[in-house]
Amino acid sequence: MLFCTLRNEAERIDWFLQHYRALGVGHFIFVDNASTDGTRARLLAQPDCTVYSTDSSYKAARFGMDWINWLMLRHARGHWCVVADADELLIYPHWPDRPLPALTNWLDRQGQQIMPAMMLELYPKGPLDQAPCHAGMNPLSALEWFDAANYTITHKSLLDCLLIQGGPRARLFFADTPNRAPTLTKLPLVKWRARNAWVNSTHSILPRALNRAFSTDGGEGISGALLHTKFLATVVEKSRIEKARAEHFGNAPVFDAYYDHLAQAPDLWCMHSTRYEGWEQLETLGLISRGGWG
């Protein structure tokens, strides 16, 4: 099953469902945070979707994680689950030829309860407000580019997790304060148990030992990527709205300037941008790893 908190995602929710159904997700559990664009009605019409609705503060709920923790405690115990935002499409080595049940069966045999993924931010070439955006479209048809190499990895000892930063947002909006750039490390695939709890979005989890979803013996553990489809044309107007709502994740003054930049529809493309071609390309670049899943 898949868990997701969302608000006003009518332009991408159809493809989101199509992508994860093709991967083998059998049921979706959504928290709709007061959508006004028809997102909730679209989801309620789907036989494989359960929808919870709230108009409470996303920020006061620890950016939605209190809602997700409660729902996973209720519905997810003992099950492999995907936890993703509506603008995140999970991929991994050998997809789509091998669906999620094949991957989770292999993880079970390895005694591994979790699979990490790096958020890979995709963007168009040209101003963001020119990136096509309509309901049902494949966002990858408009978002063809990514940053291949400008990433840093830091080990955070408190939770024994990795912090990956970089990509177009770090390059364009946080060049002077790279330590403030968004965290790209996520744990989107987990076999949930009653003792689990999300700490900081899906960047880290309890018990602490689960955050060590990386190899420490010189080899490579399996990892995937979350294709981040945030930068469709609607991001320009949404940035103005989200700045006014002040419900965003992170330090408010820093992100106010970030939203101001996005509202100007910048061009994220640069001469070092790389056109996205597929998981094999990401493995060659060292951004994902099959980690023994041959």
C-alpha atoms as a PDB file:
ATOM      1  CA  MET A   1       0.000   0.000   0.000  1.00  0.00           C
ATOM      2  CA  LEU A   2       0.981   3.637  -0.417  1.00  0.00           C
ATOM      3  CA  PHE A   3       0.553   6.593   1.962  1.00  0.00           C
ATOM      4  CA  CYS A   4       0.493  10.199   0.778  1.00  0.00           C
ATOM      5  CA  THR A   5      -0.444  13.635   2.120  1.00  0.00           C
ATOM      6  CA  LEU A   6      -1.429  16.094  -0.570  1.00  0.00           C
ATOM      7  CA  ARG A   7      -3.165  19.349  -1.413  1.00  0.00           C
ATOM      8  CA  ASN A   8      -4.319  20.594  -4.828  1.00  0.00           C
ATOM      9  CA  GLU A   9      -2.617  18.028  -7.065  1.00  0.00           C
ATOM     10  CA  ALA A  10      -5.289  17.586  -9.750  1.00  0.00           C
ATOM     11  CA  GLU A  11      -2.782  18.040 -12.574  1.00  0.00           C
ATOM     12  CA  ARG A  12      -0.521  15.173 -11.499  1.00  0.00           C
ATOM     13  CA  ILE A  13      -2.608  12.746  -9.428  1.00  0.00           C
ATOM     14  CA  ASP A  14      -3.811  10.659 -12.393  1.00  0.00           C
ATOM     15  CA  TRP A  15      -0.261   9.890 -13.508  1.00  0.00           C
ATOM     16  CA  PHE A  16       0.822   9.327  -9.914  1.00  0.00           C
ATOM     17  CA  LEU A  17      -1.825   6.613  -9.561  1.00  0.00           C
ATOM     18  CA  GLN A  18      -0.948   5.119 -12.951  1.00  0.00           C
ATOM     19  CA  HIS A  19       2.755   4.964 -12.109  1.00  0.00           C
ATOM     20  CA  TYR A  20       2.323   3.271  -8.744  1.00  0.00           C
ATOM     21  CA  ARG A  21      -0.376   0.900  -9.926  1.00  0.00           C
ATOM     22  CA  ALA A  22       2.039  -0.256 -12.635  1.00  0.00           C
ATOM     23  CA  LEU A  23       4.662  -0.837  -9.924  1.00  0.00           C
ATOM     24  CA  GLY A  24       2.237  -3.091  -8.067  1.00  0.00           C
ATOM     25  CA  VAL A  25       0.707  -0.863  -5.379  1.00  0.00           C
ATOM     26  CA  GLY A  26      -2.639  -2.425  -4.481  1.00  0.00           C
ATOM     27  CA  HIS A  27      -4.158   0.292  -2.303  1.00  0.00           C
ATOM     28  CA  PHE A  28      -3.618   4.002  -1.685  1.00  0.00           C
ATOM     29  CA  ILE A  29      -4.281   5.896   1.541  1.00  0.00           C
ATOM     30  CA  PHE A  30      -4.374   9.671   1.140  1.00  0.00           C
ATOM     31  CA  VAL A  31      -4.673  12.575   3.540  1.00  0.00           C
ATOM     32  CA  ASP A  32      -6.222  15.429   1.593  1.00  0.00           C
ATOM     33  CA  ASN A  33      -5.339  18.713   3.283  1.00  0.00           C
ATOM     34  CA  ALA A  34      -8.244  20.922   2.170  1.00  0.00           C
ATOM     35  CA  SER A  35      -7.794  20.724  -1.600  1.00  0.00           C
ATOM     36  CA  THR A  36      -9.849  23.192  -3.618  1.00  0.00           C
ATOM     37  CA  ASP A  37      -9.074  22.006  -7.168  1.00  0.00           C
ATOM     38  CA  GLY A  38     -11.053  18.752  -7.319  1.00  0.00           C
ATOM     39  CA  THR A  39      -8.240  16.496  -6.093  1.00  0.00           C
ATOM     40  CA  ARG A  40     -10.387  14.961  -3.346  1.00  0.00           C
ATOM     41  CA  ALA A  41     -13.276  14.174  -5.704  1.00  0.00           C
ATOM     42  CA  ARG A  42     -10.888  12.552  -8.183  1.00  0.00           C
ATOM     43  CA  LEU A  43      -9.500  10.300  -5.458  1.00  0.00           C
ATOM     44  CA  LEU A  44     -12.887   9.380  -4.012  1.00  0.00           C
ATOM     45  CA  ALA A  45     -13.890   8.097  -7.446  1.00  0.00           C
ATOM     46  CA  GLN A  46     -11.054   5.521  -7.400  1.00  0.00           C
ATOM     47  CA  PRO A  47     -11.925   2.062  -6.026  1.00  0.00           C
ATOM     48  CA  ASP A  48      -8.384   1.468  -4.740  1.00  0.00           C
ATOM     49  CA  CYS A  49      -8.120   4.737  -2.788  1.00  0.00           C
ATOM     50  CA  THR A  50      -9.028   5.520   0.810  1.00  0.00           C
ATOM     51  CA  VAL A  51      -9.199   9.248   1.477  1.00  0.00           C
ATOM     52  CA  TYR A  52      -8.961  11.005   4.830  1.00  0.00           C
ATOM     53  CA  SER A  53      -9.658  14.718   4.778  1.00  0.00           C
ATOM     54  CA  THR A  54      -8.552  17.509   7.108  1.00  0.00           C
ATOM     55  CA  ASP A  55      -8.401  21.280   7.037  1.00  0.00           C
ATOM     56  CA  SER A  56      -6.055  21.366  10.037  1.00  0.00           C
ATOM     57  CA  SER A  57      -2.591  22.893   9.859  1.00  0.00           C
ATOM     58  CA  TYR A  58      -0.045  20.872   7.897  1.00  0.00           C
ATOM     59  CA  LYS A  59       2.728  22.635   9.805  1.00  0.00           C
ATOM     60  CA  ALA A  60       1.176  21.945  13.233  1.00  0.00           C
ATOM     61  CA  ALA A  61       0.957  18.245  12.313  1.00  0.00           C
ATOM     62  CA  ARG A  62       4.764  18.202  11.899  1.00  0.00           C
ATOM     63  CA  PHE A  63       4.311  18.821   8.176  1.00  0.00           C
ATOM     64  CA  GLY A  64       1.800  15.995   7.864  1.00  0.00           C
ATOM     65  CA  MET A  65       3.917  13.317   9.533  1.00  0.00           C
ATOM     66  CA  ASP A  66       1.663  13.040  12.599  1.00  0.00           C
ATOM     67  CA  TRP A  67      -1.187  12.136  10.254  1.00  0.00           C
ATOM     68  CA  ILE A  68       0.932   9.588   8.383  1.00  0.00           C
ATOM     69  CA  ASN A  69       2.351   8.039  11.574  1.00  0.00           C
ATOM     70  CA  TRP A  70      -1.161   7.511  12.935  1.00  0.00           C
ATOM     71  CA  LEU A  71      -2.513   6.050   9.695  1.00  0.00           C
ATOM     72  CA  MET A  72       0.434   3.707   9.290  1.00  0.00           C
ATOM     73  CA  LEU A  73       0.056   2.526  12.880  1.00  0.00           C
ATOM     74  CA  ARG A  74      -3.571   1.747  12.074  1.00  0.00           C
ATOM     75  CA  HIS A  75      -3.252   0.245   8.588  1.00  0.00           C
ATOM     76  CA  ALA A  76       0.341  -0.658   7.773  1.00  0.00           C
ATOM     77  CA  ARG A  77       1.662  -2.974  10.478  1.00  0.00           C
ATOM     78  CA  GLY A  78       3.431  -5.943   8.913  1.00  0.00           C
ATOM     79  CA  HIS A  79       3.065  -4.602   5.372  1.00  0.00           C
ATOM     80  CA  TRP A  80       5.545  -3.229   2.879  1.00  0.00           C
ATOM     81  CA  CYS A  81       4.551   0.375   2.174  1.00  0.00           C
ATOM     82  CA  VAL A  82       5.505   3.229  -0.083  1.00  0.00           C
ATOM     83  CA  VAL A  83       5.393   6.706   1.467  1.00  0.00           C
ATOM     84  CA  ALA A  84       5.639   9.442  -1.150  1.00  0.00           C
ATOM     85  CA  ASP A  85       4.461  12.937  -1.962  1.00  0.00           C
ATOM     86  CA  ALA A  86       2.230  13.458  -4.991  1.00  0.00           C
ATOM     87  CA  ASP A  87       5.165  14.945  -6.909  1.00  0.00           C
ATOM     88  CA  GLU A  88       7.459  11.940  -6.254  1.00  0.00           C
ATOM     89  CA  LEU A  89       7.655   8.918  -8.569  1.00  0.00           C
ATOM     90  CA  LEU A  90       9.666   6.026  -7.119  1.00  0.00           C
ATOM     91  CA  ILE A  91      11.984   4.116  -9.428  1.00  0.00           C
ATOM     92  CA  TYR A  92      14.658   1.523  -8.637  1.00  0.00           C
ATOM     93  CA  PRO A  93      17.019  -0.841 -10.472  1.00  0.00           C
ATOM     94  CA  HIS A  94      15.203  -3.073 -12.985  1.00  0.00           C
ATOM     95  CA  TRP A  95      11.917  -1.211 -12.855  1.00  0.00           C
ATOM     96  CA  PRO A  96       9.432  -1.470 -14.536  1.00  0.00           C
ATOM     97  CA  ASP A  97      10.333  -5.046 -15.513  1.00  0.00           C
ATOM     98  CA  ARG A  98      10.353  -6.109 -11.857  1.00  0.00           C
ATOM     99  CA  PRO A  99       7.380  -4.859  -9.805  1.00  0.00           C
ATOM    100  CA  LEU A 100       7.498  -3.877  -6.164  1.00  0.00           C
ATOM    101  CA  PRO A 101       6.478  -7.339  -4.851  1.00  0.00           C
ATOM    102  CA  ALA A 102       9.587  -8.822  -6.493  1.00  0.00           C
ATOM    103  CA  LEU A 103      11.733  -6.148  -4.850  1.00  0.00           C
ATOM    104  CA  THR A 104      10.155  -6.516  -1.407  1.00  0.00           C
ATOM    105  CA  ASN A 105      10.447 -10.310  -1.545  1.00  0.00           C
ATOM    106  CA  TRP A 106      14.166  -9.888  -2.246  1.00  0.00           C
ATOM    107  CA  LEU A 107      14.502  -7.353   0.587  1.00  0.00           C
ATOM    108  CA  ASP A 108      12.786  -9.804   2.935  1.00  0.00           C
ATOM    109  CA  ARG A 109      15.319 -12.473   2.013  1.00  0.00           C
ATOM    110  CA  GLN A 110      18.132 -10.003   2.741  1.00  0.00           C
ATOM    111  CA  GLY A 111      16.635  -9.188   6.132  1.00  0.00           C
ATOM    112  CA  GLN A 112      16.287  -5.563   5.048  1.00  0.00           C
ATOM    113  CA  GLN A 113      13.282  -3.590   6.284  1.00  0.00           C
ATOM    114  CA  ILE A 114      13.801  -0.396   4.311  1.00  0.00           C
ATOM    115  CA  MET A 115      15.097   0.911   0.967  1.00  0.00           C
ATOM    116  CA  PRO A 116      16.490   4.441   0.660  1.00  0.00           C
ATOM    117  CA  ALA A 117      16.142   6.693  -2.355  1.00  0.00           C
ATOM    118  CA  MET A 118      17.620   9.978  -3.438  1.00  0.00           C
ATOM    119  CA  MET A 119      15.164  12.651  -4.542  1.00  0.00           C
ATOM    120  CA  LEU A 120      16.180  13.516  -8.103  1.00  0.00           C
ATOM    121  CA  GLU A 121      14.820  16.892  -9.089  1.00  0.00           C
ATOM    122  CA  LEU A 122      13.663  17.078 -12.709  1.00  0.00           C
ATOM    123  CA  TYR A 123      13.094  20.361 -14.505  1.00  0.00           C
ATOM    124  CA  PRO A 124      12.392  21.794 -17.988  1.00  0.00           C
ATOM    125  CA  LYS A 125      14.643  23.811 -20.237  1.00  0.00           C
ATOM    126  CA  GLY A 126      13.319  27.359 -20.108  1.00  0.00           C
ATOM    127  CA  PRO A 127      11.122  29.371 -17.728  1.00  0.00           C
ATOM    128  CA  LEU A 128       9.129  27.220 -15.320  1.00  0.00           C
ATOM    129  CA  ASP A 129       5.798  28.782 -16.284  1.00  0.00           C
ATOM    130  CA  GLN A 130       6.280  27.382 -19.802  1.00  0.00           C
ATOM    131  CA  ALA A 131       6.456  23.727 -18.674  1.00  0.00           C
ATOM    132  CA  PRO A 132       3.243  22.044 -19.952  1.00  0.00           C
ATOM    133  CA  CYS A 133       0.873  20.926 -17.244  1.00  0.00           C
ATOM    134  CA  HIS A 134      -2.524  19.251 -17.580  1.00  0.00           C
ATOM    135  CA  ALA A 135      -4.372  16.478 -15.808  1.00  0.00           C
ATOM    136  CA  GLY A 136      -3.326  12.975 -16.796  1.00  0.00           C
ATOM    137  CA  MET A 137      -0.069  13.914 -18.527  1.00  0.00           C
ATOM    138  CA  ASN A 138       3.224  12.173 -17.850  1.00  0.00           C
ATOM    139  CA  PRO A 139       5.224  14.918 -16.085  1.00  0.00           C
ATOM    140  CA  LEU A 140       8.445  13.429 -17.454  1.00  0.00           C
ATOM    141  CA  SER A 141       7.366  14.603 -20.908  1.00  0.00           C
ATOM    142  CA  ALA A 142       7.830  18.192 -19.691  1.00  0.00           C
ATOM    143  CA  LEU A 143      10.580  17.691 -17.095  1.00  0.00           C
ATOM    144  CA  GLU A 144      13.459  16.136 -19.037  1.00  0.00           C
ATOM    145  CA  TRP A 145      16.570  17.459 -17.258  1.00  0.00           C
ATOM    146  CA  PHE A 146      18.430  16.970 -13.972  1.00  0.00           C
ATOM    147  CA  ASP A 147      21.723  17.789 -12.254  1.00  0.00           C
ATOM    148  CA  ALA A 148      24.075  14.825 -12.506  1.00  0.00           C
ATOM    149  CA  ALA A 149      26.937  15.699 -10.210  1.00  0.00           C
ATOM    150  CA  ASN A 150      26.634  18.615  -7.741  1.00  0.00           C
ATOM    151  CA  TYR A 151      25.769  16.609  -4.607  1.00  0.00           C
ATOM    152  CA  THR A 152      27.205  16.389  -1.102  1.00  0.00           C
ATOM    153  CA  ILE A 153      26.714  13.603   1.443  1.00  0.00           C
ATOM    154  CA  THR A 154      27.002  14.168   5.193  1.00  0.00           C
ATOM    155  CA  HIS A 155      26.619  11.579   7.927  1.00  0.00           C
ATOM    156  CA  LYS A 156      24.329  12.784  10.735  1.00  0.00           C
ATOM    157  CA  SER A 157      25.374  10.909  13.852  1.00  0.00           C
ATOM    158  CA  LEU A 158      22.325  11.718  15.992  1.00  0.00           C
ATOM    159  CA  LEU A 159      20.040   9.518  13.885  1.00  0.00           C
ATOM    160  CA  ASP A 160      22.816   7.635  12.048  1.00  0.00           C
ATOM    161  CA  CYS A 161      21.457   8.777   8.697  1.00  0.00           C
ATOM    162  CA  LEU A 162      22.857  10.322   5.539  1.00  0.00           C
ATOM    163  CA  LEU A 163      22.072  13.862   4.440  1.00  0.00           C
ATOM    164  CA  ILE A 164      22.266  14.383   0.675  1.00  0.00           C
ATOM    165  CA  GLN A 165      22.008  17.939  -0.630  1.00  0.00           C
ATOM    166  CA  GLY A 166      22.490  19.515  -4.032  1.00  0.00           C
ATOM    167  CA  GLY A 167      20.602  19.631  -7.313  1.00  0.00           C
ATOM    168  CA  PRO A 168      19.055  22.629  -9.044  1.00  0.00           C
ATOM    169  CA  ARG A 169      17.508  24.204  -5.934  1.00  0.00           C
ATOM    170  CA  ALA A 170      20.812  24.162  -4.072  1.00  0.00           C
ATOM    171  CA  ARG A 171      22.601  25.521  -7.141  1.00  0.00           C
ATOM    172  CA  LEU A 172      20.168  28.326  -7.907  1.00  0.00           C
ATOM    173  CA  PHE A 173      18.473  29.288  -4.636  1.00  0.00           C
ATOM    174  CA  PHE A 174      20.910  28.268  -1.869  1.00  0.00           C
ATOM    175  CA  ALA A 175      24.314  28.905  -3.445  1.00  0.00           C
ATOM    176  CA  ASP A 176      25.332  31.184  -0.558  1.00  0.00           C
ATOM    177  CA  THR A 177      23.882  28.914   2.157  1.00  0.00           C
ATOM    178  CA  PRO A 178      24.266  25.339   0.835  1.00  0.00           C
ATOM    179  CA  ASN A 179      23.657  23.858   4.291  1.00  0.00           C
ATOM    180  CA  ARG A 180      20.107  25.287   4.064  1.00  0.00           C
ATOM    181  CA  ALA A 181      19.368  23.506   0.792  1.00  0.00           C
ATOM    182  CA  PRO A 182      16.573  20.910   0.802  1.00  0.00           C
ATOM    183  CA  THR A 183      17.392  17.403   1.995  1.00  0.00           C
ATOM    184  CA  LEU A 184      17.303  14.888  -0.848  1.00  0.00           C
ATOM    185  CA  THR A 185      17.662  11.694   1.231  1.00  0.00           C
ATOM    186  CA  LYS A 186      14.414   9.747   1.675  1.00  0.00           C
ATOM    187  CA  LEU A 187      13.208   6.343   2.858  1.00  0.00           C
ATOM    188  CA  PRO A 188      10.175   5.745   0.634  1.00  0.00           C
ATOM    189  CA  LEU A 189       9.886   1.949   0.924  1.00  0.00           C
ATOM    190  CA  VAL A 190       9.524   0.382   4.367  1.00  0.00           C
ATOM    191  CA  LYS A 191       8.119  -2.737   6.008  1.00  0.00           C
ATOM    192  CA  TRP A 192       6.149  -1.076   8.784  1.00  0.00           C
ATOM    193  CA  ARG A 193       6.071  -2.264  12.370  1.00  0.00           C
ATOM    194  CA  ALA A 194       4.227  -0.936  15.414  1.00  0.00           C
ATOM    195  CA  ARG A 195       7.448   0.468  16.896  1.00  0.00           C
ATOM    196  CA  ASN A 196       8.223   2.597  13.819  1.00  0.00           C
ATOM    197  CA  ALA A 197       7.724   6.354  13.595  1.00  0.00           C
ATOM    198  CA  TRP A 198       8.775   8.999  11.104  1.00  0.00           C
ATOM    199  CA  VAL A 199      11.007  11.663  12.624  1.00  0.00           C
ATOM    200  CA  ASN A 200      11.797  14.277   9.999  1.00  0.00           C
ATOM    201  CA  SER A 201       9.449  13.838   7.049  1.00  0.00           C
ATOM    202  CA  THR A 202      10.566  10.553   5.427  1.00  0.00           C
ATOM    203  CA  HIS A 203      14.217  11.582   5.742  1.00  0.00           C
ATOM    204  CA  SER A 204      14.643   9.627   8.985  1.00  0.00           C
ATOM    205  CA  ILE A 205      12.792   7.038  11.036  1.00  0.00           C
ATOM    206  CA  LEU A 206      12.732   5.296  14.390  1.00  0.00           C
ATOM    207  CA  PRO A 207      14.120   2.965  15.570  1.00  0.00           C
ATOM    208  CA  ARG A 208      17.371   4.749  14.775  1.00  0.00           C
ATOM    209  CA  ALA A 209      19.046   1.598  13.404  1.00  0.00           C
ATOM    210  CA  LEU A 210      16.768   1.661  10.344  1.00  0.00           C
ATOM    211  CA  ASN A 211      18.399   4.861   9.128  1.00  0.00           C
ATOM    212  CA  ARG A 212      21.580   2.928   8.415  1.00  0.00           C
ATOM    213  CA  ALA A 213      20.156   1.854   5.061  1.00  0.00           C
ATOM    214  CA  PHE A 214      23.593   2.216   3.487  1.00  0.00           C
ATOM    215  CA  SER A 215      26.598  -0.048   3.246  1.00  0.00           C
ATOM    216  CA  THR A 216      29.417   0.401   5.752  1.00  0.00           C
ATOM    217  CA  ASP A 217      31.735  -2.343   4.481  1.00  0.00           C
ATOM    218  CA  GLY A 218      32.943  -0.719   1.281  1.00  0.00           C
ATOM    219  CA  GLY A 219      30.179  -2.183  -0.889  1.00  0.00           C
ATOM    220  CA  GLU A 220      26.961  -0.638  -2.135  1.00  0.00           C
ATOM    221  CA  GLY A 221      23.496  -1.230  -0.737  1.00  0.00           C
ATOM    222  CA  ILE A 222      20.412  -1.114  -2.927  1.00  0.00           C
ATOM    223  CA  SER A 223      18.908   2.333  -3.465  1.00  0.00           C
ATOM    224  CA  GLY A 224      16.359   3.929  -5.724  1.00  0.00           C
ATOM    225  CA  ALA A 225      15.360   7.410  -6.799  1.00  0.00           C
ATOM    226  CA  LEU A 226      12.298   9.557  -6.302  1.00  0.00           C
ATOM    227  CA  LEU A 227      11.783  11.476  -9.527  1.00  0.00           C
ATOM    228  CA  HIS A 228      10.692  14.869  -8.222  1.00  0.00           C
ATOM    229  CA  THR A 229       8.129  16.445 -10.565  1.00  0.00           C
ATOM    230  CA  LYS A 230       7.603  19.659  -8.618  1.00  0.00           C
ATOM    231  CA  PHE A 231       8.692  22.018 -11.380  1.00  0.00           C
ATOM    232  CA  LEU A 232       5.674  21.938 -13.692  1.00  0.00           C
ATOM    233  CA  ALA A 233       4.150  25.283 -14.674  1.00  0.00           C
ATOM    234  CA  THR A 234       1.784  25.293 -11.687  1.00  0.00           C
ATOM    235  CA  VAL A 235       4.737  25.641  -9.297  1.00  0.00           C
ATOM    236  CA  VAL A 236       4.911  29.364 -10.088  1.00  0.00           C
ATOM    237  CA  GLU A 237       1.436  30.215  -8.807  1.00  0.00           C
ATOM    238  CA  LYS A 238       1.628  27.595  -6.055  1.00  0.00           C
ATOM    239  CA  SER A 239       4.785  29.257  -4.745  1.00  0.00           C
ATOM    240  CA  ARG A 240       2.907  32.520  -4.250  1.00  0.00           C
ATOM    241  CA  ILE A 241       0.101  30.670  -2.468  1.00  0.00           C
ATOM    242  CA  GLU A 242       2.395  28.579  -0.265  1.00  0.00           C
ATOM    243  CA  LYS A 243       4.394  31.605   0.818  1.00  0.00           C
ATOM    244  CA  ALA A 244       1.164  33.261   1.964  1.00  0.00           C
ATOM    245  CA  ARG A 245      -0.043  30.101   3.738  1.00  0.00           C
ATOM    246  CA  ALA A 246       3.301  29.775   5.599  1.00  0.00           C
ATOM    247  CA  GLU A 247       2.773  26.040   6.052  1.00  0.00           C
ATOM    248  CA  HIS A 248       6.023  25.087   4.345  1.00  0.00           C
ATOM    249  CA  PHE A 249       8.674  22.773   5.712  1.00  0.00           C
ATOM    250  CA  GLY A 250      11.817  24.445   7.027  1.00  0.00           C
ATOM    251  CA  ASN A 251      12.938  27.877   8.215  1.00  0.00           C
ATOM    252  CA  ALA A 252      10.341  30.466   7.164  1.00  0.00           C
ATOM    253  CA  PRO A 253      12.601  33.434   6.235  1.00  0.00           C
ATOM    254  CA  VAL A 254      14.856  31.205   4.133  1.00  0.00           C
ATOM    255  CA  PHE A 255      11.929  29.653   2.295  1.00  0.00           C
ATOM    256  CA  ASP A 256      10.157  32.979   1.782  1.00  0.00           C
ATOM    257  CA  ALA A 257      13.059  34.067  -0.426  1.00  0.00           C
ATOM    258  CA  TYR A 258      12.997  30.677  -2.143  1.00  0.00           C
ATOM    259  CA  TYR A 259       9.285  31.036  -2.956  1.00  0.00           C
ATOM    260  CA  ASP A 260       9.875  34.574  -4.227  1.00  0.00           C
ATOM    261  CA  HIS A 261      12.455  33.210  -6.666  1.00  0.00           C
ATOM    262  CA  LEU A 262      10.145  30.424  -7.857  1.00  0.00           C
ATOM    263  CA  ALA A 263       7.307  32.908  -8.362  1.00  0.00           C
ATOM    264  CA  GLN A 264       9.495  34.632 -10.971  1.00  0.00           C
ATOM    265  CA  ALA A 265       9.451  31.459 -13.128  1.00  0.00           C
ATOM    266  CA  PRO A 266      13.247  31.037 -13.343  1.00  0.00           C
ATOM    267  CA  ASP A 267      15.048  28.778 -15.796  1.00  0.00           C
ATOM    268  CA  LEU A 268      16.707  25.957 -13.809  1.00  0.00           C
ATOM    269  CA  TRP A 269      18.551  24.625 -16.857  1.00  0.00           C
ATOM    270  CA  CYS A 270      22.283  25.252 -17.211  1.00  0.00           C
ATOM    271  CA  MET A 271      25.074  24.089 -19.526  1.00  0.00           C
ATOM    272  CA  HIS A 272      25.812  21.183 -17.164  1.00  0.00           C
ATOM    273  CA  SER A 273      22.233  19.873 -17.103  1.00  0.00           C
ATOM    274  CA  THR A 274      21.747  16.239 -18.147  1.00  0.00           C
ATOM    275  CA  ARG A 275      18.756  14.818 -20.008  1.00  0.00           C
ATOM    276  CA  TYR A 276      17.053  12.021 -18.060  1.00  0.00           C
ATOM    277  CA  GLU A 277      17.181   8.654 -19.851  1.00  0.00           C
ATOM    278  CA  GLY A 278      16.330   5.991 -17.260  1.00  0.00           C
ATOM    279  CA  TRP A 279      17.493   4.002 -14.244  1.00  0.00           C
ATOM    280  CA  GLU A 280      20.521   2.518 -16.012  1.00  0.00           C
ATOM    281  CA  GLN A 281      21.839   6.043 -16.598  1.00  0.00           C
ATOM    282  CA  LEU A 282      21.348   6.888 -12.912  1.00  0.00           C
ATOM    283  CA  GLU A 283      23.221   3.752 -11.892  1.00  0.00           C
ATOM    284  CA  THR A 284      26.124   4.655 -14.178  1.00  0.00           C
ATOM    285  CA  LEU A 285      26.224   8.103 -12.565  1.00  0.00           C
ATOM    286  CA  GLY A 286      26.267   6.549  -9.089  1.00  0.00           C
ATOM    287  CA  LEU A 287      22.910   8.040  -8.088  1.00  0.00           C
ATOM    288  CA  ILE A 288      21.194   4.678  -7.525  1.00  0.00           C
ATOM    289  CA  SER A 289      22.528   1.177  -6.919  1.00  0.00           C
ATOM    290  CA  ARG A 290      21.245  -2.350  -7.420  1.00  0.00           C
ATOM    291  CA  GLY A 291      23.284  -3.474  -4.385  1.00  0.00           C
ATOM    292  CA  GLY A 292      23.346  -7.151  -5.263  1.00  0.00           C
ATOM    293  CA  TRP A 293      19.858  -7.273  -6.761  1.00  0.00           C
ATOM    294  CA  GLY A 294      21.281  -8.453 -10.074  1.00  0.00           C
END
